[in-house]
């Protein structure tokens, strides 16, 4: 009798959790593909990835429509971070790494022969799990550092700096100390500084690899607000282990799983559907907390 009650309680708790995430996702305003006039967005076609002979990612095909936020969820080790690193050609930095397939930005393959890799990384920016401002640079210098590295010229650097800090939700907190070192900021502020730095080179796409995993709840909330605001003008892909975060910020969610083999995408759908009526039992088990 006790075992039966425990099973019923577990079932009720799982149902409540799933319902709660679905409610959060339904409450978020979702953007439809093609509703933002900013190009076709980013597309992955049959992407595979290897580290040496280790096949870590298998046959991923996904569209990231312009002006939308897509969350990538799944257990550790299923290839989510590797996948987004293939999207702006950072995967090839790793010795022995290889990939196959196509990554299209506005219909053009970023891996096509003769492609300028530096330009690709300007168009497809990246924010990492751990904030990485340049510690010896001031806050202002950090924001503009990408321009210097890419040898880009702008008419008014101060105006661009303020614009990027405003868009990253940091301006009001640092406007009176732009000459302070970037390392003097809190963890959440440093992460928003890194976002501002990415914005300065005007990317079309922003890839975010667990950008809030090391942050407190208050800083996480501010980053999430920034993500929603930025998606009005760019495409965002975010890797997250936080189901509540995926429900709050994303228009679409893709579930990845390495089920005894290389990481694969199990399903992708509007976020509200992933958390309320997933098509695959494995997705349901993950989002309701049965594993992962």
Protein backbone atom coordinates (compact mmCIF):
# COMPACT_ATOMS: atom_id res chain seq x y z
CA UNK A 1 0.00 0.00 0.00
CA UNK A 2 2.86 2.36 0.84
CA UNK A 3 4.59 1.67 -2.48
CA UNK A 4 1.36 2.44 -4.33
CA UNK A 5 0.96 5.75 -2.49
CA UNK A 6 4.56 6.69 -3.22
CA UNK A 7 4.06 5.99 -6.92
CA UNK A 8 0.91 8.09 -6.96
CA UNK A 9 2.71 10.95 -5.19
CA UNK A 10 5.60 10.76 -7.64
CA UNK A 11 3.15 10.81 -10.55
CA UNK A 12 1.37 13.86 -9.10
CA UNK A 13 4.67 15.73 -8.54
CA UNK A 14 5.79 14.98 -12.11
CA UNK A 15 2.44 16.16 -13.47
CA UNK A 16 2.60 19.37 -11.44
CA UNK A 17 6.16 20.10 -12.64
CA UNK A 18 5.24 19.50 -16.28
CA UNK A 19 2.11 21.62 -15.99
CA UNK A 20 4.06 24.45 -14.36
CA UNK A 21 6.66 24.56 -17.13
CA UNK A 22 3.93 24.44 -19.77
CA UNK A 23 2.15 27.36 -18.09
CA UNK A 24 5.36 29.40 -18.07
CA UNK A 25 5.99 28.61 -21.73
CA UNK A 26 2.41 29.44 -22.73
CA UNK A 27 2.65 32.77 -20.91
CA UNK A 28 5.72 33.82 -22.91
CA UNK A 29 5.10 35.70 -26.14
CA UNK A 30 6.29 33.42 -28.95
CA UNK A 31 7.60 34.69 -32.28
CA UNK A 32 6.66 32.93 -35.48
CA UNK A 33 9.26 32.09 -38.17
CA UNK A 34 9.44 34.71 -40.86
CA UNK A 35 7.82 37.41 -38.73
CA UNK A 36 11.04 39.44 -38.41
CA UNK A 37 12.53 41.23 -41.47
CA UNK A 38 16.16 40.27 -40.92
CA UNK A 39 17.13 37.53 -43.33
CA UNK A 40 16.53 33.79 -43.30
CA UNK A 41 18.35 33.05 -40.07
CA UNK A 42 20.59 30.07 -39.37
CA UNK A 43 20.14 26.50 -40.60
CA UNK A 44 21.94 23.25 -39.82
CA UNK A 45 21.74 20.47 -42.39
CA UNK A 46 22.89 16.95 -41.49
CA UNK A 47 25.58 18.11 -39.06
CA UNK A 48 27.92 15.45 -37.62
CA UNK A 49 30.86 16.10 -35.31
CA UNK A 50 33.87 14.06 -34.16
CA UNK A 51 36.72 14.38 -31.71
CA UNK A 52 39.30 12.14 -33.30
CA UNK A 53 37.51 8.81 -33.90
CA UNK A 54 34.82 9.60 -31.33
CA UNK A 55 31.56 10.39 -33.13
CA UNK A 56 29.86 12.83 -30.72
CA UNK A 57 27.05 14.34 -32.80
CA UNK A 58 24.91 12.66 -35.41
CA UNK A 59 22.86 14.08 -38.28
CA UNK A 60 21.47 17.28 -36.73
CA UNK A 61 19.09 19.24 -38.92
CA UNK A 62 17.60 22.36 -37.33
CA UNK A 63 16.32 25.75 -38.44
CA UNK A 64 16.77 28.87 -36.32
CA UNK A 65 14.41 31.44 -37.77
CA UNK A 66 15.47 35.08 -37.77
CA UNK A 67 14.29 36.95 -34.70
CA UNK A 68 13.56 33.89 -32.55
CA UNK A 69 15.09 32.31 -29.45
CA UNK A 70 15.74 28.56 -29.52
CA UNK A 71 16.74 26.65 -26.38
CA UNK A 72 18.80 23.47 -26.64
CA UNK A 73 18.14 21.15 -23.71
CA UNK A 74 19.32 17.67 -22.76
CA UNK A 75 21.62 15.84 -20.33
CA UNK A 76 25.32 16.64 -20.06
CA UNK A 77 27.38 14.96 -22.75
CA UNK A 78 24.71 14.86 -25.44
CA UNK A 79 26.51 17.30 -27.76
CA UNK A 80 24.62 20.58 -27.27
CA UNK A 81 27.72 22.73 -26.75
CA UNK A 82 29.60 20.92 -29.51
CA UNK A 83 26.69 21.60 -31.85
CA UNK A 84 26.61 25.36 -31.31
CA UNK A 85 30.39 25.48 -31.72
CA UNK A 86 29.99 23.98 -35.18
CA UNK A 87 27.63 26.85 -36.02
CA UNK A 88 30.34 29.53 -36.03
CA UNK A 89 33.30 27.26 -36.81
CA UNK A 90 34.75 27.21 -33.30
CA UNK A 91 34.65 23.40 -33.27
CA UNK A 92 37.59 23.28 -35.68
CA UNK A 93 39.82 25.04 -33.11
CA UNK A 94 40.09 21.76 -31.18
CA UNK A 95 42.92 19.44 -32.33
CA UNK A 96 41.51 16.33 -34.00
CA UNK A 97 38.01 17.80 -34.31
CA UNK A 98 36.05 17.29 -37.51
CA UNK A 99 32.53 17.91 -38.81
CA UNK A 100 30.33 17.04 -41.75
CA UNK A 101 27.16 18.64 -43.05
CA UNK A 102 26.18 22.21 -43.79
CA UNK A 103 25.59 25.32 -41.69
CA UNK A 104 23.74 27.99 -43.65
CA UNK A 105 23.56 31.67 -42.74
CA UNK A 106 21.01 33.41 -44.95
CA UNK A 107 21.26 30.43 -47.30
CA UNK A 108 25.06 30.43 -47.62
CA UNK A 109 27.20 27.61 -46.24
CA UNK A 110 29.64 28.99 -43.66
CA UNK A 111 31.93 26.01 -44.40
CA UNK A 112 32.10 26.68 -48.15
CA UNK A 113 35.65 26.82 -49.57
CA UNK A 114 37.09 30.31 -49.50
CA UNK A 115 34.83 31.51 -46.68
CA UNK A 116 36.42 34.12 -44.41
CA UNK A 117 36.18 32.49 -40.97
CA UNK A 118 36.76 35.79 -39.17
CA UNK A 119 33.75 37.33 -40.89
CA UNK A 120 31.62 34.32 -39.97
CA UNK A 121 32.48 34.75 -36.29
CA UNK A 122 31.56 38.43 -36.52
CA UNK A 123 28.15 37.50 -37.92
CA UNK A 124 27.61 34.60 -35.51
CA UNK A 125 28.71 35.70 -32.05
CA UNK A 126 29.26 33.55 -28.98
CA UNK A 127 28.74 34.08 -25.25
CA UNK A 128 30.36 31.41 -23.08
CA UNK A 129 29.37 29.69 -19.86
CA UNK A 130 31.98 31.56 -17.81
CA UNK A 131 32.18 35.34 -18.24
CA UNK A 132 35.48 36.21 -19.91
CA UNK A 133 35.99 39.99 -20.04
CA UNK A 134 39.55 41.10 -20.70
CA UNK A 135 40.72 41.85 -17.13
CA UNK A 136 43.37 44.41 -18.08
CA UNK A 137 40.91 46.43 -20.19
CA UNK A 138 38.43 48.97 -18.89
CA UNK A 139 34.68 48.40 -19.21
CA UNK A 140 34.57 50.70 -22.22
CA UNK A 141 37.58 49.08 -23.86
CA UNK A 142 36.03 45.65 -23.38
CA UNK A 143 32.90 46.66 -25.26
CA UNK A 144 34.90 47.97 -28.22
CA UNK A 145 37.62 45.29 -28.23
CA UNK A 146 35.96 43.27 -30.98
CA UNK A 147 36.10 46.25 -33.33
CA UNK A 148 39.85 46.54 -32.80
CA UNK A 149 40.48 42.83 -33.33
CA UNK A 150 38.35 42.80 -36.49
CA UNK A 151 39.83 46.11 -37.69
CA UNK A 152 36.37 47.66 -38.03
CA UNK A 153 35.89 51.42 -38.04
CA UNK A 154 32.85 53.25 -36.66
CA UNK A 155 31.98 56.92 -36.79
CA UNK A 156 31.23 57.36 -33.08
CA UNK A 157 32.71 54.82 -30.69
CA UNK A 158 31.22 56.41 -27.56
CA UNK A 159 27.74 56.27 -29.06
CA UNK A 160 28.20 52.61 -30.05
CA UNK A 161 29.55 51.76 -26.58
CA UNK A 162 26.51 53.27 -24.89
CA UNK A 163 24.13 51.56 -27.32
CA UNK A 164 25.66 48.12 -26.67
CA UNK A 165 25.68 48.57 -22.90
CA UNK A 166 22.04 49.71 -23.00
CA UNK A 167 21.04 46.69 -25.11
CA UNK A 168 22.92 44.38 -22.75
CA UNK A 169 21.06 45.89 -19.78
CA UNK A 170 24.24 47.22 -18.16
CA UNK A 171 24.44 50.93 -18.99
CA UNK A 172 22.73 52.30 -15.88
CA UNK A 173 25.03 50.27 -13.63
CA UNK A 174 28.34 51.26 -15.22
CA UNK A 175 27.85 54.60 -17.00
CA UNK A 176 29.72 56.45 -14.25
CA UNK A 177 32.70 54.08 -14.17
CA UNK A 178 33.47 53.15 -17.76
CA UNK A 179 37.17 53.56 -16.93
CA UNK A 180 37.10 50.81 -14.30
CA UNK A 181 38.54 47.42 -15.20
CA UNK A 182 36.11 44.81 -16.50
CA UNK A 183 37.24 42.41 -13.78
CA UNK A 184 35.88 44.76 -11.11
CA UNK A 185 32.29 43.90 -12.03
CA UNK A 186 30.17 41.18 -10.45
CA UNK A 187 29.74 37.86 -12.25
CA UNK A 188 26.36 38.82 -13.69
CA UNK A 189 27.64 42.21 -14.79
CA UNK A 190 30.67 40.60 -16.41
CA UNK A 191 28.40 38.30 -18.40
CA UNK A 192 26.34 41.25 -19.62
CA UNK A 193 29.59 43.04 -20.48
CA UNK A 194 30.53 40.05 -22.64
CA UNK A 195 27.14 40.29 -24.34
CA UNK A 196 27.71 44.00 -24.97
CA UNK A 197 31.13 43.15 -26.44
CA UNK A 198 29.49 40.67 -28.81
CA UNK A 199 26.89 43.22 -29.90
CA UNK A 200 29.47 45.84 -30.89
CA UNK A 201 30.33 44.00 -34.12
CA UNK A 202 26.63 43.79 -35.13
CA UNK A 203 26.12 39.99 -35.28
CA UNK A 204 23.07 38.45 -36.94
CA UNK A 205 23.13 35.46 -34.58
CA UNK A 206 24.13 35.12 -30.93
CA UNK A 207 25.03 31.68 -29.58
CA UNK A 208 24.92 31.36 -25.78
CA UNK A 209 26.43 28.35 -24.03
CA UNK A 210 24.80 28.12 -20.57
CA UNK A 211 25.29 31.86 -19.98
CA UNK A 212 23.59 31.82 -16.56
CA UNK A 213 24.90 28.58 -15.06
CA UNK A 214 27.34 30.36 -12.71
CA UNK A 215 25.07 33.29 -11.82
CA UNK A 216 22.73 34.08 -8.94
CA UNK A 217 18.94 34.26 -9.57
CA UNK A 218 18.90 38.06 -9.81
CA UNK A 219 21.66 38.15 -12.41
CA UNK A 220 19.99 35.28 -14.28
CA UNK A 221 16.75 37.25 -14.49
CA UNK A 222 18.56 40.28 -15.94
CA UNK A 223 20.32 38.11 -18.54
CA UNK A 224 16.98 36.57 -19.51
CA UNK A 225 15.43 40.02 -19.92
CA UNK A 226 18.37 40.94 -22.13
CA UNK A 227 17.86 37.83 -24.27
CA UNK A 228 14.21 38.64 -24.91
CA UNK A 229 15.04 42.23 -25.85
CA UNK A 230 17.91 41.23 -28.14
CA UNK A 231 15.78 38.74 -30.03
CA UNK A 232 13.90 41.68 -31.56
CA UNK A 233 16.95 42.29 -33.71
CA UNK A 234 18.81 38.97 -33.99
CA UNK A 235 18.55 35.19 -33.83
CA UNK A 236 19.51 33.61 -30.49
CA UNK A 237 20.40 30.00 -29.67
CA UNK A 238 20.87 29.19 -25.98
CA UNK A 239 22.15 25.98 -24.40
CA UNK A 240 20.60 25.54 -20.96
CA UNK A 241 20.09 22.87 -18.31
CA UNK A 242 17.47 25.06 -16.63
CA UNK A 243 14.02 23.95 -17.77
CA UNK A 244 12.38 27.03 -16.25
CA UNK A 245 14.76 29.23 -18.19
CA UNK A 246 14.00 27.44 -21.46
CA UNK A 247 10.27 27.88 -20.76
CA UNK A 248 10.68 31.59 -19.95
CA UNK A 249 12.93 32.83 -22.74
CA UNK A 250 12.62 30.58 -25.79
CA UNK A 251 10.19 30.45 -28.68
CA UNK A 252 11.36 26.95 -29.67
CA UNK A 253 13.07 24.13 -27.80
CA UNK A 254 15.14 21.25 -29.17
CA UNK A 255 15.84 18.19 -27.03
CA UNK A 256 19.20 16.43 -27.50
CA UNK A 257 20.10 12.99 -26.18
CA UNK A 258 23.07 10.61 -26.47
CA UNK A 259 21.20 7.33 -26.08
CA UNK A 260 24.11 4.89 -26.13
CA UNK A 261 25.63 6.52 -29.21
CA UNK A 262 26.50 9.98 -30.55
CA UNK A 263 24.32 12.90 -29.53
CA UNK A 264 21.19 13.30 -31.61
CA UNK A 265 18.25 15.66 -31.71
CA UNK A 266 15.16 13.81 -30.53
CA UNK A 267 12.63 16.51 -31.32
CA UNK A 268 12.18 20.24 -31.78
CA UNK A 269 8.91 22.15 -31.39
CA UNK A 270 7.45 25.38 -30.02
CA UNK A 271 8.51 25.54 -26.37
CA UNK A 272 4.94 25.41 -25.09
CA UNK A 273 4.43 22.11 -26.93
CA UNK A 274 7.70 20.57 -25.72
CA UNK A 275 6.63 21.16 -22.12
CA UNK A 276 2.95 20.26 -22.50
CA UNK A 277 2.68 17.57 -25.18
CA UNK A 278 6.07 16.29 -26.40
CA UNK A 279 5.89 13.74 -29.20
CA UNK A 280 8.67 11.47 -27.94
CA UNK A 281 8.48 9.61 -24.62
CA UNK A 282 12.17 10.33 -23.97
CA UNK A 283 11.50 14.06 -24.20
CA UNK A 284 8.59 13.73 -21.78
CA UNK A 285 10.76 11.78 -19.33
CA UNK A 286 13.44 14.47 -19.45
CA UNK A 287 11.29 17.58 -19.12
CA UNK A 288 9.28 16.01 -16.28
CA UNK A 289 12.45 15.17 -14.35
CA UNK A 290 12.41 11.38 -14.65
CA UNK A 291 16.05 11.47 -15.72
CA UNK A 292 18.79 13.98 -16.49
